[in-house]
Amino acid sequence: MDRPSAAAAGPSAAAPSIAPAKPKETQGASDAGRDGGVDPAKLANANDGQSRPEIPERFAGEWNVNLAHCGTDLNDSRVRIEPRRIRFYESVGEVTKVTARSADDVTVSARFAGEGETWTASHRMILSPSGADLTIDDVTRHRCPVMPAAK
């Protein structure tokens, strides 16, 4: 199988690989950011050991570069964000730390596992003002519509 940083074979092979790079240790986020006059300490939990860190609810959902591929595995850009978990194409990360720069700009650190390997990485996530687009590191994805539950 390909590593998470390699282009996936199959239906998404024509799309550029945008799965998260798997660093040897930790992938850092840029220090540049916008604060919008919001106190970041009030946005994300304090990560003080008393509670598990969570990604703010406004970031939750499925995101994809191609909206036509929402709800499928046809594109390796698919990301599903939950409060304590990030699911990339071939890896899953358990959130260990959330650092907020503003209500729409957080850095999430997680322990990832995929394809028989584990690693730690940090990803900067910037939500557009409309909430319709999410940039993770340098890749912008669109919020997928909520799919009806299967009966």
N, C-alpha and C. Protein backbone atom coordinates (compact mmCIF):
# COMPACT_ATOMS: atom_id res chain seq x y z
N MET A 1 0.82 -1.20 0.00
CA MET A 1 0.00 0.00 0.00
C MET A 1 0.86 1.25 0.00
N ASP A 2 0.37 2.31 -0.53
CA ASP A 2 1.10 3.57 -0.55
C ASP A 2 1.15 4.16 0.85
N ARG A 3 2.16 4.94 1.09
CA ARG A 3 2.23 5.69 2.35
C ARG A 3 1.21 6.83 2.28
N PRO A 4 0.76 7.36 3.44
CA PRO A 4 -0.22 8.45 3.42
C PRO A 4 0.22 9.65 2.59
N SER A 5 1.52 9.86 2.41
CA SER A 5 1.95 11.02 1.66
C SER A 5 2.02 10.75 0.16
N ALA A 6 1.80 9.52 -0.25
CA ALA A 6 1.85 9.19 -1.66
C ALA A 6 0.46 9.26 -2.27
N ALA A 7 0.42 9.46 -3.58
CA ALA A 7 -0.88 9.50 -4.27
C ALA A 7 -1.51 8.13 -4.18
N ALA A 8 -2.80 8.08 -3.94
CA ALA A 8 -3.52 6.82 -3.83
C ALA A 8 -3.82 6.29 -5.23
N ALA A 9 -3.78 4.99 -5.35
CA ALA A 9 -4.13 4.38 -6.63
C ALA A 9 -5.63 4.27 -6.74
N GLY A 10 -6.12 4.03 -7.89
CA GLY A 10 -7.55 3.83 -8.06
C GLY A 10 -8.22 5.07 -8.59
N PRO A 11 -9.51 5.25 -8.26
CA PRO A 11 -10.29 6.34 -8.84
C PRO A 11 -9.72 7.72 -8.59
N SER A 12 -8.96 7.88 -7.52
CA SER A 12 -8.45 9.22 -7.22
C SER A 12 -7.06 9.45 -7.80
N ALA A 13 -6.54 8.50 -8.56
CA ALA A 13 -5.18 8.62 -9.06
C ALA A 13 -4.97 9.87 -9.89
N ALA A 14 -6.00 10.37 -10.55
CA ALA A 14 -5.85 11.56 -11.38
C ALA A 14 -5.73 12.82 -10.54
N ALA A 15 -6.23 12.79 -9.32
CA ALA A 15 -6.17 13.95 -8.44
C ALA A 15 -4.80 14.04 -7.80
N PRO A 16 -4.31 15.24 -7.53
CA PRO A 16 -3.02 15.37 -6.88
C PRO A 16 -3.11 14.82 -5.47
N SER A 17 -2.00 14.28 -4.98
CA SER A 17 -1.99 13.73 -3.63
C SER A 17 -2.02 14.87 -2.62
N ILE A 18 -2.98 14.83 -1.74
CA ILE A 18 -3.08 15.86 -0.73
C ILE A 18 -3.32 15.25 0.64
N ALA A 19 -2.97 13.97 0.77
CA ALA A 19 -3.03 13.34 2.07
C ALA A 19 -1.93 13.95 2.91
N PRO A 20 -2.06 13.93 4.24
CA PRO A 20 -1.06 14.58 5.08
C PRO A 20 0.27 13.87 4.98
N ALA A 21 1.34 14.65 4.96
CA ALA A 21 2.67 14.09 4.95
C ALA A 21 2.94 13.44 6.29
N LYS A 22 3.62 12.32 6.26
CA LYS A 22 3.95 11.62 7.50
C LYS A 22 5.38 11.98 7.86
N PRO A 23 5.58 12.85 8.86
CA PRO A 23 6.92 13.25 9.24
C PRO A 23 7.58 12.20 10.11
N LYS A 24 8.90 12.30 10.26
CA LYS A 24 9.60 11.36 11.13
C LYS A 24 9.26 11.65 12.59
N GLU A 25 9.09 12.88 12.93
CA GLU A 25 8.74 13.25 14.30
C GLU A 25 7.47 14.07 14.31
N THR A 26 7.58 15.40 14.32
CA THR A 26 6.41 16.25 14.36
C THR A 26 6.46 17.26 13.24
N GLN A 27 5.35 17.43 12.57
CA GLN A 27 5.24 18.43 11.52
C GLN A 27 4.72 19.69 12.16
N GLY A 28 5.45 20.79 12.10
CA GLY A 28 5.05 22.02 12.76
C GLY A 28 4.17 22.89 11.90
N ALA A 29 3.44 23.77 12.54
CA ALA A 29 2.59 24.71 11.82
C ALA A 29 3.25 26.07 11.82
N SER A 30 2.89 26.88 10.89
CA SER A 30 3.42 28.23 10.78
C SER A 30 3.01 29.07 11.98
N ASP A 31 3.85 30.01 12.36
CA ASP A 31 3.52 30.89 13.47
C ASP A 31 2.67 32.07 13.03
N ALA A 32 2.57 32.28 11.73
CA ALA A 32 1.75 33.40 11.26
C ALA A 32 0.29 33.09 11.47
N GLY A 33 -0.50 34.10 11.80
CA GLY A 33 -1.93 33.85 11.99
C GLY A 33 -2.68 35.13 12.20
N ARG A 34 -4.00 35.01 12.19
CA ARG A 34 -4.82 36.18 12.46
C ARG A 34 -5.56 35.91 13.75
N ASP A 35 -5.69 36.91 14.60
CA ASP A 35 -6.38 36.66 15.86
C ASP A 35 -7.74 37.31 15.90
N GLY A 36 -8.02 38.25 15.04
CA GLY A 36 -9.34 38.84 14.97
C GLY A 36 -9.82 39.42 16.28
N GLY A 37 -8.89 39.71 17.21
CA GLY A 37 -9.27 40.29 18.48
C GLY A 37 -9.93 39.30 19.43
N VAL A 38 -9.83 37.99 19.14
CA VAL A 38 -10.44 36.98 19.98
C VAL A 38 -9.37 36.37 20.88
N ASP A 39 -9.72 36.11 22.12
CA ASP A 39 -8.79 35.49 23.06
C ASP A 39 -8.75 33.99 22.78
N PRO A 40 -7.65 33.46 22.20
CA PRO A 40 -7.57 32.05 21.87
C PRO A 40 -7.78 31.13 23.06
N ALA A 41 -7.40 31.56 24.24
CA ALA A 41 -7.56 30.72 25.43
C ALA A 41 -9.03 30.39 25.70
N LYS A 42 -9.94 31.24 25.23
CA LYS A 42 -11.36 31.00 25.44
C LYS A 42 -11.98 30.13 24.36
N LEU A 43 -11.22 29.87 23.28
CA LEU A 43 -11.78 29.14 22.15
C LEU A 43 -11.59 27.64 22.25
N ALA A 44 -10.42 27.20 22.58
CA ALA A 44 -10.13 25.78 22.69
C ALA A 44 -9.90 25.47 24.16
N ASN A 45 -10.09 24.22 24.52
CA ASN A 45 -9.88 23.87 25.91
C ASN A 45 -8.44 24.15 26.30
N ALA A 46 -8.19 24.22 27.56
CA ALA A 46 -6.87 24.59 28.06
C ALA A 46 -5.87 23.45 27.95
N ASN A 47 -6.32 22.24 27.59
CA ASN A 47 -5.42 21.10 27.50
C ASN A 47 -4.62 20.92 28.77
N ASP A 48 -5.29 21.10 29.90
CA ASP A 48 -4.63 21.08 31.20
C ASP A 48 -4.55 19.69 31.82
N GLY A 49 -4.91 18.65 31.09
CA GLY A 49 -4.86 17.31 31.62
C GLY A 49 -6.14 16.90 32.33
N GLN A 50 -7.02 17.84 32.60
CA GLN A 50 -8.26 17.52 33.28
C GLN A 50 -9.32 17.04 32.30
N SER A 51 -9.20 17.40 31.04
CA SER A 51 -10.14 16.94 30.02
C SER A 51 -9.36 16.70 28.74
N ARG A 52 -9.91 15.83 27.87
CA ARG A 52 -9.25 15.58 26.60
C ARG A 52 -9.47 16.77 25.68
N PRO A 53 -8.43 17.17 24.95
CA PRO A 53 -8.58 18.29 24.02
C PRO A 53 -9.56 17.97 22.90
N GLU A 54 -10.29 18.98 22.47
CA GLU A 54 -11.26 18.81 21.40
C GLU A 54 -11.11 19.90 20.34
N ILE A 55 -11.34 19.50 19.09
CA ILE A 55 -11.38 20.44 17.99
C ILE A 55 -12.72 21.16 18.10
N PRO A 56 -12.75 22.49 17.98
CA PRO A 56 -14.03 23.21 18.08
C PRO A 56 -15.07 22.69 17.10
N GLU A 57 -16.31 22.67 17.53
CA GLU A 57 -17.43 22.12 16.76
C GLU A 57 -17.55 22.73 15.37
N ARG A 58 -17.22 23.99 15.22
CA ARG A 58 -17.36 24.66 13.92
C ARG A 58 -16.51 24.02 12.83
N PHE A 59 -15.48 23.23 13.21
CA PHE A 59 -14.62 22.55 12.25
C PHE A 59 -15.11 21.14 11.91
N ALA A 60 -16.08 20.63 12.66
CA ALA A 60 -16.54 19.25 12.52
C ALA A 60 -17.24 19.01 11.19
N GLY A 61 -17.08 17.80 10.69
CA GLY A 61 -17.77 17.40 9.47
C GLY A 61 -16.83 16.76 8.48
N GLU A 62 -17.36 16.53 7.29
CA GLU A 62 -16.57 15.97 6.19
C GLU A 62 -16.18 17.10 5.26
N TRP A 63 -14.93 17.06 4.78
CA TRP A 63 -14.37 18.08 3.91
C TRP A 63 -13.71 17.40 2.73
N ASN A 64 -13.80 18.00 1.53
CA ASN A 64 -13.21 17.39 0.35
C ASN A 64 -12.87 18.48 -0.67
N VAL A 65 -11.82 18.28 -1.43
CA VAL A 65 -11.47 19.22 -2.49
C VAL A 65 -12.55 19.22 -3.56
N ASN A 66 -13.13 18.06 -3.84
CA ASN A 66 -14.15 17.91 -4.88
C ASN A 66 -15.47 17.55 -4.21
N LEU A 67 -16.42 18.46 -4.22
CA LEU A 67 -17.71 18.22 -3.58
C LEU A 67 -18.44 17.01 -4.16
N ALA A 68 -18.20 16.69 -5.42
CA ALA A 68 -18.86 15.53 -6.04
C ALA A 68 -18.39 14.22 -5.39
N HIS A 69 -17.27 14.24 -4.71
CA HIS A 69 -16.74 13.03 -4.08
C HIS A 69 -17.10 12.92 -2.61
N CYS A 70 -17.90 13.83 -2.10
CA CYS A 70 -18.31 13.77 -0.69
C CYS A 70 -19.04 12.46 -0.43
N GLY A 71 -18.77 11.89 0.73
CA GLY A 71 -19.42 10.64 1.13
C GLY A 71 -18.84 9.40 0.48
N THR A 72 -17.75 9.56 -0.27
CA THR A 72 -17.11 8.42 -0.94
C THR A 72 -15.62 8.42 -0.63
N ASP A 73 -14.96 7.36 -1.05
CA ASP A 73 -13.50 7.28 -0.95
C ASP A 73 -12.85 7.50 -2.31
N LEU A 74 -13.53 8.26 -3.20
CA LEU A 74 -13.03 8.47 -4.55
C LEU A 74 -11.89 9.48 -4.64
N ASN A 75 -11.60 10.18 -3.55
CA ASN A 75 -10.61 11.25 -3.60
C ASN A 75 -9.82 11.23 -2.30
N ASP A 76 -8.51 11.23 -2.40
CA ASP A 76 -7.71 11.16 -1.17
C ASP A 76 -7.64 12.49 -0.42
N SER A 77 -8.38 13.49 -0.86
CA SER A 77 -8.44 14.75 -0.11
C SER A 77 -9.48 14.69 1.00
N ARG A 78 -10.29 13.66 1.03
CA ARG A 78 -11.37 13.54 2.02
C ARG A 78 -10.79 13.56 3.44
N VAL A 79 -11.38 14.43 4.26
CA VAL A 79 -11.03 14.52 5.68
C VAL A 79 -12.33 14.57 6.47
N ARG A 80 -12.39 13.80 7.53
CA ARG A 80 -13.54 13.84 8.43
C ARG A 80 -13.03 14.26 9.80
N ILE A 81 -13.62 15.34 10.30
CA ILE A 81 -13.18 15.91 11.57
C ILE A 81 -14.25 15.70 12.63
N GLU A 82 -13.83 15.14 13.73
CA GLU A 82 -14.67 14.93 14.91
C GLU A 82 -14.00 15.69 16.05
N PRO A 83 -14.68 15.88 17.17
CA PRO A 83 -14.06 16.64 18.25
C PRO A 83 -12.70 16.11 18.72
N ARG A 84 -12.53 14.79 18.74
CA ARG A 84 -11.29 14.21 19.26
C ARG A 84 -10.55 13.35 18.25
N ARG A 85 -10.95 13.46 16.97
CA ARG A 85 -10.36 12.58 15.96
C ARG A 85 -10.36 13.27 14.60
N ILE A 86 -9.29 13.02 13.82
CA ILE A 86 -9.19 13.48 12.43
C ILE A 86 -8.99 12.23 11.58
N ARG A 87 -9.82 12.07 10.56
CA ARG A 87 -9.71 10.91 9.67
C ARG A 87 -9.31 11.39 8.27
N PHE A 88 -8.05 11.13 7.92
CA PHE A 88 -7.58 11.41 6.57
C PHE A 88 -7.81 10.17 5.73
N TYR A 89 -7.39 10.20 4.48
CA TYR A 89 -7.64 9.13 3.52
C TYR A 89 -7.19 7.76 4.03
N GLU A 90 -5.96 7.65 4.49
CA GLU A 90 -5.44 6.36 4.94
C GLU A 90 -4.87 6.42 6.34
N SER A 91 -5.32 7.38 7.15
CA SER A 91 -4.82 7.48 8.52
C SER A 91 -5.88 8.11 9.42
N VAL A 92 -5.74 7.81 10.71
CA VAL A 92 -6.64 8.36 11.72
C VAL A 92 -5.78 8.94 12.82
N GLY A 93 -6.11 10.16 13.27
CA GLY A 93 -5.36 10.80 14.33
C GLY A 93 -6.22 11.05 15.56
N GLU A 94 -5.72 10.66 16.73
CA GLU A 94 -6.37 10.94 18.01
C GLU A 94 -5.79 12.25 18.52
N VAL A 95 -6.65 13.24 18.73
CA VAL A 95 -6.22 14.59 19.11
C VAL A 95 -5.53 14.58 20.47
N THR A 96 -4.36 15.23 20.53
CA THR A 96 -3.61 15.35 21.78
C THR A 96 -3.54 16.78 22.28
N LYS A 97 -3.69 17.74 21.35
CA LYS A 97 -3.60 19.16 21.74
C LYS A 97 -4.28 20.01 20.68
N VAL A 98 -4.98 21.06 21.14
CA VAL A 98 -5.59 22.03 20.23
C VAL A 98 -5.14 23.41 20.70
N THR A 99 -4.53 24.16 19.79
CA THR A 99 -4.10 25.51 20.09
C THR A 99 -4.84 26.46 19.17
N ALA A 100 -5.59 27.39 19.74
CA ALA A 100 -6.38 28.33 18.95
C ALA A 100 -5.66 29.65 18.80
N ARG A 101 -5.63 30.16 17.58
CA ARG A 101 -5.13 31.50 17.31
C ARG A 101 -6.30 32.47 17.22
N SER A 102 -7.44 31.94 16.78
CA SER A 102 -8.68 32.70 16.71
C SER A 102 -9.81 31.68 16.63
N ALA A 103 -11.03 32.16 16.52
CA ALA A 103 -12.17 31.24 16.42
C ALA A 103 -12.10 30.39 15.16
N ASP A 104 -11.43 30.89 14.14
CA ASP A 104 -11.37 30.19 12.85
C ASP A 104 -9.98 29.68 12.49
N ASP A 105 -9.06 29.65 13.43
CA ASP A 105 -7.67 29.29 13.14
C ASP A 105 -7.11 28.51 14.32
N VAL A 106 -6.95 27.19 14.13
CA VAL A 106 -6.42 26.34 15.20
C VAL A 106 -5.31 25.46 14.65
N THR A 107 -4.45 25.02 15.54
CA THR A 107 -3.46 24.00 15.21
C THR A 107 -3.80 22.79 16.05
N VAL A 108 -3.94 21.66 15.39
CA VAL A 108 -4.32 20.42 16.05
C VAL A 108 -3.14 19.45 16.00
N SER A 109 -2.73 18.98 17.16
CA SER A 109 -1.70 17.95 17.24
C SER A 109 -2.41 16.63 17.52
N ALA A 110 -1.91 15.56 16.90
CA ALA A 110 -2.55 14.26 17.06
C ALA A 110 -1.54 13.13 16.90
N ARG A 111 -1.91 11.99 17.48
CA ARG A 111 -1.16 10.74 17.28
C ARG A 111 -1.88 10.00 16.15
N PHE A 112 -1.18 9.81 15.05
CA PHE A 112 -1.77 9.18 13.87
C PHE A 112 -1.36 7.72 13.75
N ALA A 113 -2.23 6.95 13.12
CA ALA A 113 -1.95 5.56 12.78
C ALA A 113 -2.52 5.30 11.40
N GLY A 114 -1.76 4.55 10.62
CA GLY A 114 -2.23 4.20 9.28
C GLY A 114 -1.23 3.29 8.60
N GLU A 115 -1.73 2.33 7.89
CA GLU A 115 -0.89 1.39 7.14
C GLU A 115 0.18 0.75 8.00
N GLY A 116 -0.17 0.41 9.24
CA GLY A 116 0.74 -0.29 10.13
C GLY A 116 1.79 0.58 10.81
N GLU A 117 1.71 1.89 10.65
CA GLU A 117 2.68 2.78 11.26
C GLU A 117 1.99 3.80 12.15
N THR A 118 2.73 4.40 13.07
CA THR A 118 2.22 5.47 13.93
C THR A 118 3.20 6.64 13.91
N TRP A 119 2.67 7.86 14.10
CA TRP A 119 3.49 9.06 14.14
C TRP A 119 2.69 10.18 14.78
N THR A 120 3.37 11.25 15.11
CA THR A 120 2.75 12.44 15.68
C THR A 120 2.91 13.57 14.68
N ALA A 121 1.82 14.35 14.49
CA ALA A 121 1.88 15.47 13.56
C ALA A 121 0.96 16.58 14.05
N SER A 122 1.25 17.79 13.61
CA SER A 122 0.41 18.96 13.88
C SER A 122 -0.04 19.54 12.55
N HIS A 123 -1.31 19.95 12.50
CA HIS A 123 -1.87 20.52 11.28
C HIS A 123 -2.60 21.81 11.62
N ARG A 124 -2.29 22.85 10.88
CA ARG A 124 -2.99 24.12 11.05
C ARG A 124 -4.27 24.09 10.24
N MET A 125 -5.37 24.47 10.86
CA MET A 125 -6.69 24.47 10.21
C MET A 125 -7.27 25.87 10.27
N ILE A 126 -7.58 26.43 9.09
CA ILE A 126 -8.16 27.76 9.02
C ILE A 126 -9.51 27.66 8.31
N LEU A 127 -10.55 28.04 9.02
CA LEU A 127 -11.91 28.00 8.51
C LEU A 127 -12.22 29.33 7.83
N SER A 128 -12.84 29.27 6.66
CA SER A 128 -13.21 30.50 5.95
C SER A 128 -14.28 31.25 6.75
N PRO A 129 -14.42 32.56 6.53
CA PRO A 129 -15.45 33.33 7.25
C PRO A 129 -16.86 32.76 7.07
N SER A 130 -17.15 32.18 5.90
CA SER A 130 -18.48 31.60 5.66
C SER A 130 -18.64 30.24 6.31
N GLY A 131 -17.52 29.59 6.67
CA GLY A 131 -17.57 28.25 7.23
C GLY A 131 -17.69 27.17 6.17
N ALA A 132 -17.64 27.57 4.89
CA ALA A 132 -17.82 26.62 3.79
C ALA A 132 -16.51 25.98 3.33
N ASP A 133 -15.38 26.60 3.67
CA ASP A 133 -14.08 26.10 3.23
C ASP A 133 -13.14 25.98 4.42
N LEU A 134 -12.29 24.97 4.35
CA LEU A 134 -11.31 24.72 5.41
C LEU A 134 -9.96 24.48 4.77
N THR A 135 -8.97 25.26 5.19
CA THR A 135 -7.61 25.05 4.72
C THR A 135 -6.85 24.32 5.81
N ILE A 136 -6.35 23.14 5.47
CA ILE A 136 -5.51 22.36 6.39
C ILE A 136 -4.12 22.41 5.80
N ASP A 137 -3.21 23.03 6.55
CA ASP A 137 -1.87 23.31 6.07
C ASP A 137 -2.02 24.14 4.79
N ASP A 138 -1.73 23.64 3.62
CA ASP A 138 -1.84 24.46 2.40
C ASP A 138 -2.91 23.97 1.44
N VAL A 139 -3.79 23.07 1.88
CA VAL A 139 -4.81 22.51 0.99
C VAL A 139 -6.20 22.97 1.46
N THR A 140 -6.95 23.59 0.54
CA THR A 140 -8.30 24.05 0.88
C THR A 140 -9.32 23.02 0.41
N ARG A 141 -10.19 22.66 1.34
CA ARG A 141 -11.27 21.71 1.07
C ARG A 141 -12.59 22.41 1.31
N HIS A 142 -13.67 21.82 0.77
CA HIS A 142 -15.01 22.39 0.91
C HIS A 142 -15.83 21.52 1.87
N ARG A 143 -16.70 22.17 2.64
CA ARG A 143 -17.56 21.43 3.57
C ARG A 143 -18.55 20.60 2.76
N CYS A 144 -18.61 19.33 3.05
CA CYS A 144 -19.55 18.43 2.37
C CYS A 144 -20.93 18.58 3.00
N PRO A 145 -21.96 18.45 2.17
CA PRO A 145 -23.30 18.47 2.74
C PRO A 145 -23.49 17.25 3.64
N VAL A 146 -24.32 17.37 4.65
CA VAL A 146 -24.58 16.25 5.54
C VAL A 146 -25.40 15.24 4.78
N MET A 147 -24.90 14.02 4.75
CA MET A 147 -25.58 12.95 4.02
C MET A 147 -26.66 12.35 4.92
N PRO A 148 -27.81 12.01 4.35
CA PRO A 148 -28.86 11.39 5.17
C PRO A 148 -28.39 10.03 5.67
N ALA A 149 -28.82 9.68 6.88
CA ALA A 149 -28.45 8.39 7.46
C ALA A 149 -29.11 7.26 6.69
N ALA A 150 -28.37 6.18 6.54
CA ALA A 150 -28.92 5.01 5.85
C ALA A 150 -29.97 4.36 6.72
N LYS A 151 -31.04 3.88 6.08
CA LYS A 151 -32.12 3.25 6.85
C LYS A 151 -31.99 1.76 6.84
